[in-house]
């Protein structure tokens, strides 16, 4: 929320369970796979990790500008963060140590781990999405659009990546080769993409 908080609620009763405070607007939240931790991304140039049960802050992860997105790796051991400081970063959830800094030429808006946790996709205002090796930080692919890229999503089998862009298109790419497989046209900016659970359909917004 723009009120500088993330909040946890009981779904059945609507009761507020926790209020988690930042020093700026909170733009994104993500639960760890085991549901025990929550990650938050904020305009105060930090991402933070919280204990869901107690509301205690476990880690504060610093960027040099606004943080727009957070994502846990499938095993819950790593957190990826996307920032206006032109970087995505990978962190050790347990220690808060920065493991990798992945550079773009403009703001990083969104990110997603591959289903096996070996790759990270990032979306940027530099008109590209990029694929990275999580272990080494090496850039594997640069996928070009004609405008800012707002969203990325892996297919359930991890073999395809979907991207959504200001250039009025969503695109499908082969993860291994970086080859564009499909260009899906809208009449205005595309902000979101999602695969169906069986990977046979893609939704674009």
N, C-alpha and C. Protein backbone atom coordinates (compact mmCIF):
# COMPACT_ATOMS: atom_id res chain seq x y z
N UNK A 1 0.81 -1.20 0.00
CA UNK A 1 0.00 0.00 0.00
C UNK A 1 0.85 1.27 0.00
N UNK A 2 0.24 2.36 -0.48
CA UNK A 2 0.89 3.67 -0.41
C UNK A 2 0.97 4.18 1.02
N UNK A 3 0.34 3.47 1.97
CA UNK A 3 0.43 3.88 3.38
C UNK A 3 1.69 3.33 4.05
N UNK A 4 2.64 2.86 3.23
CA UNK A 4 3.94 2.37 3.71
C UNK A 4 3.84 1.09 4.53
N UNK A 5 2.79 0.31 4.30
CA UNK A 5 2.65 -0.95 5.03
C UNK A 5 2.28 -2.10 4.11
N UNK A 6 2.66 -3.29 4.53
CA UNK A 6 2.05 -4.52 4.05
C UNK A 6 1.28 -5.08 5.23
N UNK A 7 0.21 -5.79 4.95
CA UNK A 7 -0.59 -6.33 6.05
C UNK A 7 -0.96 -7.78 5.78
N UNK A 8 -1.04 -8.54 6.83
CA UNK A 8 -1.48 -9.93 6.77
C UNK A 8 -2.85 -10.04 7.41
N UNK A 9 -3.74 -10.79 6.73
CA UNK A 9 -5.13 -10.87 7.15
C UNK A 9 -5.56 -12.32 7.26
N UNK A 10 -6.49 -12.57 8.16
CA UNK A 10 -7.14 -13.87 8.24
C UNK A 10 -8.23 -13.93 7.18
N UNK A 11 -8.13 -14.89 6.27
CA UNK A 11 -9.06 -14.97 5.14
C UNK A 11 -10.50 -15.21 5.60
N UNK A 12 -10.68 -16.04 6.63
CA UNK A 12 -12.04 -16.38 7.07
C UNK A 12 -12.74 -15.23 7.78
N UNK A 13 -12.00 -14.53 8.63
CA UNK A 13 -12.63 -13.51 9.48
C UNK A 13 -12.40 -12.09 9.00
N UNK A 14 -11.38 -11.88 8.15
CA UNK A 14 -11.03 -10.53 7.75
C UNK A 14 -10.24 -9.78 8.80
N UNK A 15 -9.85 -10.47 9.86
CA UNK A 15 -9.08 -9.84 10.93
C UNK A 15 -7.64 -9.58 10.48
N UNK A 16 -7.13 -8.38 10.82
CA UNK A 16 -5.73 -8.07 10.53
C UNK A 16 -4.83 -8.81 11.52
N UNK A 17 -3.89 -9.58 10.99
CA UNK A 17 -3.00 -10.37 11.82
C UNK A 17 -1.67 -9.67 12.07
N UNK A 18 -1.15 -9.01 11.04
CA UNK A 18 0.13 -8.31 11.17
C UNK A 18 0.10 -7.05 10.32
N UNK A 19 0.78 -6.02 10.79
CA UNK A 19 1.06 -4.81 10.00
C UNK A 19 2.57 -4.68 9.92
N UNK A 20 3.11 -4.69 8.72
CA UNK A 20 4.55 -4.70 8.48
C UNK A 20 4.94 -3.36 7.88
N UNK A 21 5.75 -2.62 8.60
CA UNK A 21 6.01 -1.21 8.27
C UNK A 21 7.27 -1.01 7.43
N UNK A 22 7.13 -0.19 6.38
CA UNK A 22 8.25 0.33 5.60
C UNK A 22 8.31 1.84 5.79
N UNK A 23 9.31 2.45 5.13
CA UNK A 23 9.45 3.91 5.16
C UNK A 23 9.04 4.53 3.84
N UNK A 24 8.36 3.75 3.02
CA UNK A 24 7.85 4.22 1.74
C UNK A 24 6.79 3.26 1.25
N UNK A 25 6.16 3.60 0.14
CA UNK A 25 5.11 2.75 -0.43
C UNK A 25 5.62 1.32 -0.64
N UNK A 26 4.73 0.35 -0.44
CA UNK A 26 5.06 -1.06 -0.65
C UNK A 26 4.41 -1.50 -1.96
N UNK A 27 5.24 -1.97 -2.90
CA UNK A 27 4.78 -2.24 -4.26
C UNK A 27 4.50 -3.71 -4.55
N UNK A 28 5.09 -4.61 -3.78
CA UNK A 28 4.91 -6.03 -4.09
C UNK A 28 5.13 -6.86 -2.83
N UNK A 29 4.47 -8.03 -2.81
CA UNK A 29 4.61 -8.99 -1.71
C UNK A 29 4.69 -10.40 -2.29
N UNK A 30 5.39 -11.28 -1.59
CA UNK A 30 5.46 -12.68 -2.01
C UNK A 30 5.68 -13.56 -0.79
N UNK A 31 4.92 -14.64 -0.70
CA UNK A 31 5.13 -15.64 0.35
C UNK A 31 6.22 -16.62 -0.08
N UNK A 32 6.99 -17.08 0.90
CA UNK A 32 7.93 -18.18 0.66
C UNK A 32 7.13 -19.45 0.37
N UNK A 33 7.73 -20.42 -0.32
CA UNK A 33 6.99 -21.64 -0.65
C UNK A 33 6.40 -22.37 0.55
N UNK A 34 7.05 -22.28 1.70
CA UNK A 34 6.53 -22.96 2.89
C UNK A 34 5.54 -22.09 3.68
N UNK A 35 5.32 -20.86 3.21
CA UNK A 35 4.35 -19.98 3.85
C UNK A 35 4.80 -19.35 5.15
N UNK A 36 6.05 -19.56 5.55
CA UNK A 36 6.50 -19.06 6.84
C UNK A 36 7.11 -17.66 6.79
N UNK A 37 7.49 -17.23 5.58
CA UNK A 37 8.10 -15.91 5.43
C UNK A 37 7.34 -15.12 4.38
N UNK A 38 7.40 -13.78 4.52
CA UNK A 38 6.84 -12.88 3.53
C UNK A 38 7.94 -11.92 3.10
N UNK A 39 8.04 -11.68 1.81
CA UNK A 39 8.96 -10.67 1.27
C UNK A 39 8.14 -9.47 0.80
N UNK A 40 8.67 -8.27 1.05
CA UNK A 40 8.02 -7.04 0.62
C UNK A 40 9.01 -6.17 -0.14
N UNK A 41 8.50 -5.41 -1.12
CA UNK A 41 9.32 -4.53 -1.95
C UNK A 41 8.81 -3.11 -1.80
N UNK A 42 9.71 -2.15 -1.60
CA UNK A 42 9.26 -0.80 -1.22
C UNK A 42 10.02 0.32 -1.92
N UNK A 43 9.34 1.47 -1.98
CA UNK A 43 9.95 2.70 -2.45
C UNK A 43 10.98 3.28 -1.51
N UNK A 44 11.17 2.65 -0.35
CA UNK A 44 12.23 3.11 0.57
C UNK A 44 13.58 2.49 0.24
N UNK A 45 13.69 1.93 -0.98
CA UNK A 45 14.95 1.33 -1.48
C UNK A 45 15.33 0.05 -0.77
N UNK A 46 14.35 -0.62 -0.19
CA UNK A 46 14.64 -1.89 0.47
C UNK A 46 13.59 -2.94 0.12
N UNK A 47 14.04 -4.19 0.17
CA UNK A 47 13.13 -5.33 0.29
C UNK A 47 13.32 -5.86 1.70
N UNK A 48 12.29 -6.44 2.26
CA UNK A 48 12.41 -6.95 3.63
C UNK A 48 11.77 -8.33 3.72
N UNK A 49 12.33 -9.12 4.61
CA UNK A 49 11.81 -10.45 4.90
C UNK A 49 11.22 -10.44 6.30
N UNK A 50 10.04 -11.05 6.41
CA UNK A 50 9.29 -11.03 7.68
C UNK A 50 8.88 -12.44 8.07
N UNK A 51 8.80 -12.68 9.38
CA UNK A 51 8.21 -13.90 9.91
C UNK A 51 6.70 -13.74 9.90
N UNK A 52 6.01 -14.61 9.17
CA UNK A 52 4.57 -14.48 9.00
C UNK A 52 3.83 -14.62 10.33
N UNK A 53 4.27 -15.53 11.18
CA UNK A 53 3.57 -15.80 12.43
C UNK A 53 3.69 -14.66 13.42
N UNK A 54 4.88 -14.07 13.51
CA UNK A 54 5.13 -13.06 14.55
C UNK A 54 5.15 -11.62 14.02
N UNK A 55 5.34 -11.46 12.70
CA UNK A 55 5.48 -10.12 12.14
C UNK A 55 6.85 -9.53 12.34
N UNK A 56 7.80 -10.32 12.86
CA UNK A 56 9.16 -9.83 13.09
C UNK A 56 9.91 -9.68 11.77
N UNK A 57 10.67 -8.57 11.65
CA UNK A 57 11.52 -8.38 10.47
C UNK A 57 12.77 -9.26 10.60
N UNK A 58 12.99 -10.09 9.60
CA UNK A 58 14.12 -11.02 9.62
C UNK A 58 15.33 -10.47 8.88
N UNK A 59 15.09 -9.81 7.75
CA UNK A 59 16.17 -9.27 6.94
C UNK A 59 15.71 -7.97 6.30
N UNK A 60 16.67 -7.04 6.13
CA UNK A 60 16.46 -5.83 5.33
C UNK A 60 17.50 -5.85 4.22
N UNK A 61 17.05 -5.87 2.98
CA UNK A 61 17.91 -6.03 1.82
C UNK A 61 17.94 -4.72 1.05
N UNK A 62 19.10 -4.10 0.95
CA UNK A 62 19.21 -2.73 0.47
C UNK A 62 19.51 -2.63 -1.03
N UNK A 63 18.74 -1.76 -1.71
CA UNK A 63 19.04 -1.32 -3.07
C UNK A 63 19.40 0.16 -3.02
N UNK A 64 19.69 0.72 -4.21
CA UNK A 64 20.03 2.14 -4.30
C UNK A 64 18.86 2.98 -4.80
N UNK A 65 17.70 2.36 -4.99
CA UNK A 65 16.51 3.07 -5.44
C UNK A 65 15.30 2.17 -5.16
N UNK A 66 14.14 2.61 -5.59
CA UNK A 66 12.89 1.87 -5.34
C UNK A 66 13.02 0.41 -5.73
N UNK A 67 12.39 -0.44 -4.96
CA UNK A 67 12.30 -1.88 -5.28
C UNK A 67 10.87 -2.17 -5.72
N UNK A 68 10.74 -2.76 -6.91
CA UNK A 68 9.42 -2.96 -7.53
C UNK A 68 8.85 -4.37 -7.39
N UNK A 69 9.73 -5.36 -7.26
CA UNK A 69 9.24 -6.74 -7.31
C UNK A 69 10.14 -7.65 -6.47
N UNK A 70 9.53 -8.72 -5.97
CA UNK A 70 10.24 -9.75 -5.19
C UNK A 70 9.73 -11.12 -5.61
N UNK A 71 10.62 -12.11 -5.60
CA UNK A 71 10.22 -13.48 -5.92
C UNK A 71 11.12 -14.46 -5.18
N UNK A 72 10.52 -15.46 -4.57
CA UNK A 72 11.27 -16.54 -3.93
C UNK A 72 11.62 -17.61 -4.96
N UNK A 73 12.79 -18.21 -4.81
CA UNK A 73 13.12 -19.39 -5.60
C UNK A 73 12.21 -20.54 -5.18
N UNK A 74 12.02 -21.53 -6.05
CA UNK A 74 11.12 -22.64 -5.71
C UNK A 74 11.47 -23.37 -4.43
N UNK A 75 12.76 -23.42 -4.08
CA UNK A 75 13.16 -24.10 -2.84
C UNK A 75 13.12 -23.17 -1.62
N UNK A 76 12.81 -21.89 -1.84
CA UNK A 76 12.68 -20.93 -0.75
C UNK A 76 13.99 -20.45 -0.17
N UNK A 77 15.12 -20.85 -0.76
CA UNK A 77 16.42 -20.49 -0.22
C UNK A 77 16.93 -19.13 -0.70
N UNK A 78 16.42 -18.67 -1.85
CA UNK A 78 16.89 -17.41 -2.43
C UNK A 78 15.71 -16.47 -2.65
N UNK A 79 16.01 -15.18 -2.62
CA UNK A 79 15.04 -14.15 -2.97
C UNK A 79 15.63 -13.30 -4.08
N UNK A 80 14.82 -13.02 -5.09
CA UNK A 80 15.21 -12.10 -6.16
C UNK A 80 14.45 -10.79 -5.98
N UNK A 81 15.14 -9.68 -6.22
CA UNK A 81 14.53 -8.35 -6.09
C UNK A 81 14.82 -7.55 -7.36
N UNK A 82 13.87 -6.70 -7.75
CA UNK A 82 13.98 -5.88 -8.96
C UNK A 82 13.87 -4.42 -8.57
N UNK A 83 14.76 -3.57 -9.10
CA UNK A 83 14.84 -2.20 -8.61
C UNK A 83 14.99 -1.16 -9.71
N UNK A 84 14.61 0.07 -9.34
CA UNK A 84 14.81 1.24 -10.18
C UNK A 84 16.29 1.58 -10.33
N UNK A 85 17.16 0.95 -9.53
CA UNK A 85 18.61 1.22 -9.62
C UNK A 85 19.29 0.44 -10.76
N UNK A 86 18.47 -0.09 -11.68
CA UNK A 86 18.95 -0.79 -12.88
C UNK A 86 19.54 -2.17 -12.59
N UNK A 87 19.17 -2.71 -11.46
CA UNK A 87 19.67 -4.04 -11.13
C UNK A 87 18.56 -4.93 -10.60
N UNK A 88 18.76 -6.22 -10.82
CA UNK A 88 18.07 -7.25 -10.05
C UNK A 88 19.13 -7.88 -9.16
N UNK A 89 18.73 -8.35 -8.00
CA UNK A 89 19.71 -8.94 -7.09
C UNK A 89 19.17 -10.25 -6.53
N UNK A 90 20.07 -11.13 -6.26
CA UNK A 90 19.75 -12.41 -5.64
C UNK A 90 20.33 -12.42 -4.24
N UNK A 91 19.54 -12.89 -3.28
CA UNK A 91 19.92 -12.86 -1.87
C UNK A 91 19.73 -14.24 -1.25
N UNK A 92 20.53 -14.53 -0.24
CA UNK A 92 20.35 -15.71 0.59
C UNK A 92 19.29 -15.38 1.64
N UNK A 93 18.20 -16.12 1.64
CA UNK A 93 17.08 -15.83 2.53
C UNK A 93 17.48 -15.97 4.00
N UNK A 94 18.29 -16.97 4.31
CA UNK A 94 18.68 -17.22 5.70
C UNK A 94 19.59 -16.17 6.28
N UNK A 95 20.55 -15.69 5.47
CA UNK A 95 21.58 -14.78 5.99
C UNK A 95 21.39 -13.34 5.56
N UNK A 96 20.62 -13.11 4.49
CA UNK A 96 20.50 -11.76 3.93
C UNK A 96 21.68 -11.36 3.07
N UNK A 97 22.59 -12.29 2.81
CA UNK A 97 23.77 -11.98 2.00
C UNK A 97 23.40 -11.84 0.52
N UNK A 98 23.96 -10.82 -0.14
CA UNK A 98 23.76 -10.66 -1.58
C UNK A 98 24.62 -11.67 -2.33
N UNK A 99 23.96 -12.46 -3.19
CA UNK A 99 24.66 -13.51 -3.93
C UNK A 99 25.03 -13.07 -5.33
N UNK A 100 24.15 -12.33 -5.99
CA UNK A 100 24.40 -11.87 -7.36
C UNK A 100 23.78 -10.50 -7.56
N UNK A 101 24.44 -9.69 -8.41
CA UNK A 101 23.87 -8.42 -8.88
C UNK A 101 23.81 -8.51 -10.40
N UNK A 102 22.60 -8.39 -10.95
CA UNK A 102 22.36 -8.59 -12.38
C UNK A 102 21.99 -7.24 -12.99
N UNK A 103 22.80 -6.76 -13.93
CA UNK A 103 22.68 -5.39 -14.40
C UNK A 103 21.86 -5.26 -15.68
N UNK A 104 20.97 -4.26 -15.68
CA UNK A 104 20.27 -3.79 -16.88
C UNK A 104 20.73 -2.37 -17.19
N UNK A 105 20.19 -1.82 -18.29
CA UNK A 105 20.52 -0.45 -18.69
C UNK A 105 19.46 0.55 -18.25
N UNK A 106 18.42 0.06 -17.56
CA UNK A 106 17.36 0.93 -17.03
C UNK A 106 16.66 0.15 -15.91
N UNK A 107 15.59 0.71 -15.39
CA UNK A 107 14.88 0.11 -14.26
C UNK A 107 14.49 -1.34 -14.55
N UNK A 108 14.58 -2.18 -13.51
CA UNK A 108 14.09 -3.55 -13.59
C UNK A 108 12.73 -3.58 -12.90
N UNK A 109 11.72 -4.04 -13.65
CA UNK A 109 10.33 -3.89 -13.23
C UNK A 109 9.75 -5.18 -12.66
N UNK A 110 10.16 -6.32 -13.22
CA UNK A 110 9.56 -7.60 -12.83
C UNK A 110 10.57 -8.71 -13.00
N UNK A 111 10.30 -9.83 -12.32
CA UNK A 111 11.20 -10.99 -12.43
C UNK A 111 10.46 -12.26 -12.08
N UNK A 112 11.05 -13.39 -12.50
CA UNK A 112 10.45 -14.69 -12.23
C UNK A 112 11.53 -15.76 -12.27
N UNK A 113 11.45 -16.70 -11.33
CA UNK A 113 12.31 -17.88 -11.35
C UNK A 113 11.73 -18.93 -12.28
N UNK A 114 12.61 -19.68 -12.94
CA UNK A 114 12.18 -20.86 -13.67
C UNK A 114 11.69 -21.91 -12.68
N UNK A 115 10.85 -22.84 -13.13
CA UNK A 115 10.31 -23.86 -12.21
C UNK A 115 11.38 -24.68 -11.49
N UNK A 116 12.53 -24.90 -12.13
CA UNK A 116 13.59 -25.66 -11.47
C UNK A 116 14.53 -24.78 -10.64
N UNK A 117 14.30 -23.46 -10.64
CA UNK A 117 15.09 -22.53 -9.84
C UNK A 117 16.48 -22.24 -10.37
N UNK A 118 16.80 -22.75 -11.56
CA UNK A 118 18.15 -22.57 -12.11
C UNK A 118 18.32 -21.27 -12.88
N UNK A 119 17.20 -20.70 -13.35
CA UNK A 119 17.26 -19.48 -14.16
C UNK A 119 16.36 -18.41 -13.55
N UNK A 120 16.73 -17.16 -13.81
CA UNK A 120 15.91 -16.01 -13.43
C UNK A 120 15.65 -15.18 -14.68
N UNK A 121 14.40 -14.79 -14.88
CA UNK A 121 14.05 -13.87 -15.95
C UNK A 121 13.77 -12.51 -15.35
N UNK A 122 14.26 -11.46 -16.02
CA UNK A 122 14.04 -10.09 -15.57
C UNK A 122 13.46 -9.27 -16.71
N UNK A 123 12.61 -8.30 -16.35
CA UNK A 123 11.96 -7.41 -17.32
C UNK A 123 12.34 -5.98 -17.00
N UNK A 124 12.68 -5.20 -18.05
CA UNK A 124 13.25 -3.88 -17.81
C UNK A 124 12.71 -2.80 -18.73
N UNK A 125 12.85 -1.55 -18.26
CA UNK A 125 12.54 -0.38 -19.09
C UNK A 125 13.55 -0.17 -20.20
N UNK A 126 14.62 -0.98 -20.24
CA UNK A 126 15.61 -0.87 -21.32
C UNK A 126 15.19 -1.63 -22.57
N UNK A 127 13.89 -1.99 -22.65
CA UNK A 127 13.30 -2.68 -23.81
C UNK A 127 13.76 -4.13 -23.95
N UNK A 128 14.20 -4.71 -22.86
CA UNK A 128 14.63 -6.10 -22.92
C UNK A 128 14.12 -6.90 -21.73
N UNK A 129 13.97 -8.20 -21.97
CA UNK A 129 13.91 -9.17 -20.90
C UNK A 129 15.22 -9.95 -20.99
N UNK A 130 15.69 -10.43 -19.87
CA UNK A 130 16.96 -11.18 -19.89
C UNK A 130 16.83 -12.44 -19.05
N UNK A 131 17.56 -13.43 -19.44
CA UNK A 131 17.63 -14.70 -18.72
C UNK A 131 19.02 -14.84 -18.11
N UNK A 132 19.05 -15.26 -16.86
CA UNK A 132 20.30 -15.34 -16.10
C UNK A 132 20.46 -16.71 -15.48
N UNK A 133 21.69 -17.13 -15.31
CA UNK A 133 22.01 -18.32 -14.54
C UNK A 133 22.05 -17.94 -13.06
N UNK A 134 21.19 -18.54 -12.27
CA UNK A 134 21.07 -18.17 -10.86
C UNK A 134 22.36 -18.44 -10.09
N UNK A 135 23.02 -19.55 -10.40
CA UNK A 135 24.22 -19.92 -9.66
C UNK A 135 25.40 -19.02 -9.93
N UNK A 136 25.58 -18.62 -11.20
CA UNK A 136 26.79 -17.86 -11.58
C UNK A 136 26.54 -16.38 -11.82
N UNK A 137 25.26 -16.00 -12.06
CA UNK A 137 24.96 -14.61 -12.41
C UNK A 137 25.22 -14.30 -13.86
N UNK A 138 25.57 -15.30 -14.65
CA UNK A 138 25.87 -15.10 -16.07
C UNK A 138 24.58 -14.84 -16.86
N UNK A 139 24.64 -13.83 -17.78
CA UNK A 139 23.50 -13.58 -18.66
C UNK A 139 23.48 -14.64 -19.76
N UNK A 140 22.34 -15.32 -19.88
CA UNK A 140 22.19 -16.41 -20.85
C UNK A 140 21.53 -15.93 -22.14
N UNK A 141 20.54 -15.05 -22.03
CA UNK A 141 19.82 -14.56 -23.20
C UNK A 141 19.38 -13.11 -22.97
N UNK A 142 19.36 -12.34 -24.05
CA UNK A 142 18.76 -11.00 -24.05
C UNK A 142 17.66 -11.00 -25.08
N UNK A 143 16.43 -10.74 -24.65
CA UNK A 143 15.24 -10.85 -25.49
C UNK A 143 14.69 -9.44 -25.74
N UNK A 144 14.69 -9.00 -26.99
CA UNK A 144 14.44 -7.60 -27.32
C UNK A 144 12.98 -7.31 -27.66
N UNK A 145 12.47 -6.22 -27.09
CA UNK A 145 11.20 -5.63 -27.48
C UNK A 145 11.46 -4.23 -28.04
N UNK A 146 10.36 -3.55 -28.45
CA UNK A 146 10.46 -2.18 -28.97
C UNK A 146 9.95 -1.17 -27.95
N UNK A 147 9.82 -1.59 -26.71
CA UNK A 147 9.40 -0.73 -25.62
C UNK A 147 9.68 -1.43 -24.31
N UNK A 148 9.43 -0.74 -23.22
CA UNK A 148 9.66 -1.30 -21.88
C UNK A 148 8.96 -2.66 -21.74
N UNK A 149 9.60 -3.56 -21.01
CA UNK A 149 9.01 -4.87 -20.72
C UNK A 149 8.51 -4.84 -19.28
N UNK A 150 7.22 -5.16 -19.12
CA UNK A 150 6.56 -5.02 -17.83
C UNK A 150 6.40 -6.32 -17.04
N UNK A 151 6.44 -7.47 -17.73
CA UNK A 151 6.18 -8.72 -17.03
C UNK A 151 6.85 -9.88 -17.75
N UNK A 152 7.17 -10.91 -16.98
CA UNK A 152 7.76 -12.15 -17.50
C UNK A 152 7.11 -13.32 -16.79
N UNK A 153 6.97 -14.44 -17.51
CA UNK A 153 6.42 -15.66 -16.91
C UNK A 153 6.99 -16.88 -17.62
N UNK A 154 7.43 -17.86 -16.85
CA UNK A 154 7.89 -19.13 -17.41
C UNK A 154 6.71 -20.07 -17.60
N UNK A 155 6.76 -20.87 -18.66
CA UNK A 155 5.81 -21.96 -18.82
C UNK A 155 6.04 -22.99 -17.72
N UNK A 156 5.03 -23.80 -17.39
CA UNK A 156 5.19 -24.78 -16.31
C UNK A 156 6.36 -25.75 -16.51
N UNK A 157 6.70 -26.06 -17.77
CA UNK A 157 7.84 -26.97 -18.01
C UNK A 157 9.17 -26.22 -18.09
N UNK A 158 9.13 -24.89 -17.98
CA UNK A 158 10.35 -24.09 -17.97
C UNK A 158 11.00 -23.91 -19.33
N UNK A 159 10.38 -24.37 -20.39
CA UNK A 159 11.01 -24.32 -21.71
C UNK A 159 10.69 -23.04 -22.50
N UNK A 160 9.62 -22.34 -22.09
CA UNK A 160 9.24 -21.11 -22.78
C UNK A 160 9.16 -19.97 -21.77
N UNK A 161 9.39 -18.75 -22.28
CA UNK A 161 9.20 -17.55 -21.48
C UNK A 161 8.25 -16.63 -22.23
N UNK A 162 7.29 -16.07 -21.51
CA UNK A 162 6.39 -15.06 -22.06
C UNK A 162 6.79 -13.69 -21.51
N UNK A 163 6.71 -12.69 -22.38
CA UNK A 163 7.05 -11.31 -21.98
C UNK A 163 5.91 -10.39 -22.41
N UNK A 164 5.70 -9.32 -21.63
CA UNK A 164 4.65 -8.34 -21.90
C UNK A 164 5.28 -6.96 -22.01
N UNK A 165 4.88 -6.20 -23.03
CA UNK A 165 5.61 -4.96 -23.30
C UNK A 165 4.73 -3.76 -23.64
N UNK A 166 5.31 -2.59 -23.45
CA UNK A 166 4.73 -1.31 -23.86
C UNK A 166 4.54 -1.24 -25.38
N UNK A 167 5.26 -2.08 -26.12
CA UNK A 167 5.20 -2.05 -27.59
C UNK A 167 3.94 -2.72 -28.16
N UNK A 168 2.95 -2.94 -27.31
CA UNK A 168 1.65 -3.52 -27.71
C UNK A 168 1.73 -4.99 -28.09
N UNK A 169 2.77 -5.66 -27.61
CA UNK A 169 2.88 -7.09 -27.89
C UNK A 169 3.23 -7.87 -26.65
N UNK A 170 2.79 -9.12 -26.64
CA UNK A 170 3.37 -10.15 -25.77
C UNK A 170 4.13 -11.09 -26.70
N UNK A 171 5.19 -11.68 -26.20
CA UNK A 171 5.99 -12.56 -27.05
C UNK A 171 6.34 -13.83 -26.29
N UNK A 172 6.48 -14.89 -27.07
CA UNK A 172 6.90 -16.18 -26.54
C UNK A 172 8.29 -16.50 -27.06
N UNK A 173 9.14 -16.99 -26.16
CA UNK A 173 10.54 -17.24 -26.49
C UNK A 173 10.94 -18.65 -26.07
N UNK A 174 11.87 -19.22 -26.80
CA UNK A 174 12.49 -20.47 -26.40
C UNK A 174 13.58 -20.15 -25.38
N UNK A 175 13.46 -20.69 -24.19
CA UNK A 175 14.38 -20.35 -23.10
C UNK A 175 15.81 -20.78 -23.42
N UNK A 176 15.97 -21.93 -24.03
CA UNK A 176 17.31 -22.46 -24.29
C UNK A 176 18.06 -21.66 -25.36
N UNK A 177 17.35 -21.29 -26.42
CA UNK A 177 18.01 -20.66 -27.57
C UNK A 177 17.81 -19.15 -27.63
N UNK A 178 16.78 -18.62 -26.94
CA UNK A 178 16.45 -17.20 -27.05
C UNK A 178 15.68 -16.85 -28.30
N UNK A 179 15.28 -17.84 -29.07
CA UNK A 179 14.54 -17.61 -30.32
C UNK A 179 13.10 -17.18 -30.01
N UNK A 180 12.61 -16.16 -30.75
CA UNK A 180 11.21 -15.74 -30.61
C UNK A 180 10.32 -16.74 -31.32
N UNK A 181 9.35 -17.29 -30.59
CA UNK A 181 8.44 -18.30 -31.13
C UNK A 181 7.12 -17.69 -31.62
N UNK A 182 6.62 -16.70 -30.89
CA UNK A 182 5.35 -16.07 -31.24
C UNK A 182 5.38 -14.60 -30.86
N UNK A 183 4.68 -13.79 -31.67
CA UNK A 183 4.44 -12.38 -31.31
C UNK A 183 2.92 -12.20 -31.28
N UNK A 184 2.39 -11.81 -30.13
CA UNK A 184 0.95 -11.74 -29.90
C UNK A 184 0.57 -10.26 -29.74
N UNK A 185 -0.27 -9.76 -30.65
CA UNK A 185 -0.49 -8.32 -30.76
C UNK A 185 -1.72 -7.84 -29.98
N UNK A 186 -1.56 -6.72 -29.30
CA UNK A 186 -2.66 -5.95 -28.71
C UNK A 186 -2.73 -4.59 -29.39
N UNK A 187 -3.68 -3.76 -28.96
CA UNK A 187 -3.80 -2.40 -29.49
C UNK A 187 -3.27 -1.36 -28.51
N UNK A 188 -2.61 -1.82 -27.50
CA UNK A 188 -2.00 -0.93 -26.51
C UNK A 188 -1.03 -1.73 -25.66
N UNK A 189 -0.43 -1.07 -24.69
CA UNK A 189 0.57 -1.71 -23.84
C UNK A 189 0.05 -2.99 -23.21
N UNK A 190 0.92 -3.98 -23.08
CA UNK A 190 0.59 -5.24 -22.41
C UNK A 190 1.32 -5.25 -21.07
N UNK A 191 0.57 -5.46 -20.00
CA UNK A 191 1.12 -5.32 -18.65
C UNK A 191 1.34 -6.64 -17.91
N UNK A 192 0.69 -7.72 -18.36
CA UNK A 192 0.78 -8.96 -17.59
C UNK A 192 0.63 -10.16 -18.52
N UNK A 193 1.26 -11.25 -18.12
CA UNK A 193 1.17 -12.52 -18.85
C UNK A 193 1.09 -13.66 -17.83
N UNK A 194 0.32 -14.71 -18.19
CA UNK A 194 0.20 -15.88 -17.31
C UNK A 194 -0.09 -17.11 -18.14
N UNK A 195 0.63 -18.19 -17.85
CA UNK A 195 0.38 -19.48 -18.50
C UNK A 195 -0.71 -20.25 -17.77
N UNK A 196 -1.48 -21.02 -18.51
CA UNK A 196 -2.39 -21.98 -17.91
C UNK A 196 -1.57 -23.09 -17.24
N UNK A 197 -2.13 -23.79 -16.26
CA UNK A 197 -1.36 -24.82 -15.54
C UNK A 197 -0.79 -25.91 -16.44
N UNK A 198 -1.47 -26.23 -17.56
CA UNK A 198 -0.94 -27.26 -18.45
C UNK A 198 0.00 -26.69 -19.51
N UNK A 199 0.21 -25.35 -19.50
CA UNK A 199 1.13 -24.72 -20.43
C UNK A 199 0.63 -24.58 -21.85
N UNK A 200 -0.63 -24.92 -22.11
CA UNK A 200 -1.17 -24.91 -23.47
C UNK A 200 -1.73 -23.54 -23.88
N UNK A 201 -2.04 -22.70 -22.91
CA UNK A 201 -2.61 -21.39 -23.20
C UNK A 201 -1.83 -20.30 -22.47
N UNK A 202 -1.86 -19.10 -23.05
CA UNK A 202 -1.26 -17.92 -22.42
C UNK A 202 -2.32 -16.84 -22.35
N UNK A 203 -2.44 -16.20 -21.21
CA UNK A 203 -3.33 -15.05 -21.06
C UNK A 203 -2.48 -13.78 -21.03
N UNK A 204 -2.98 -12.73 -21.71
CA UNK A 204 -2.29 -11.44 -21.75
C UNK A 204 -3.26 -10.34 -21.36
N UNK A 205 -2.75 -9.34 -20.66
CA UNK A 205 -3.59 -8.23 -20.21
C UNK A 205 -2.97 -6.92 -20.65
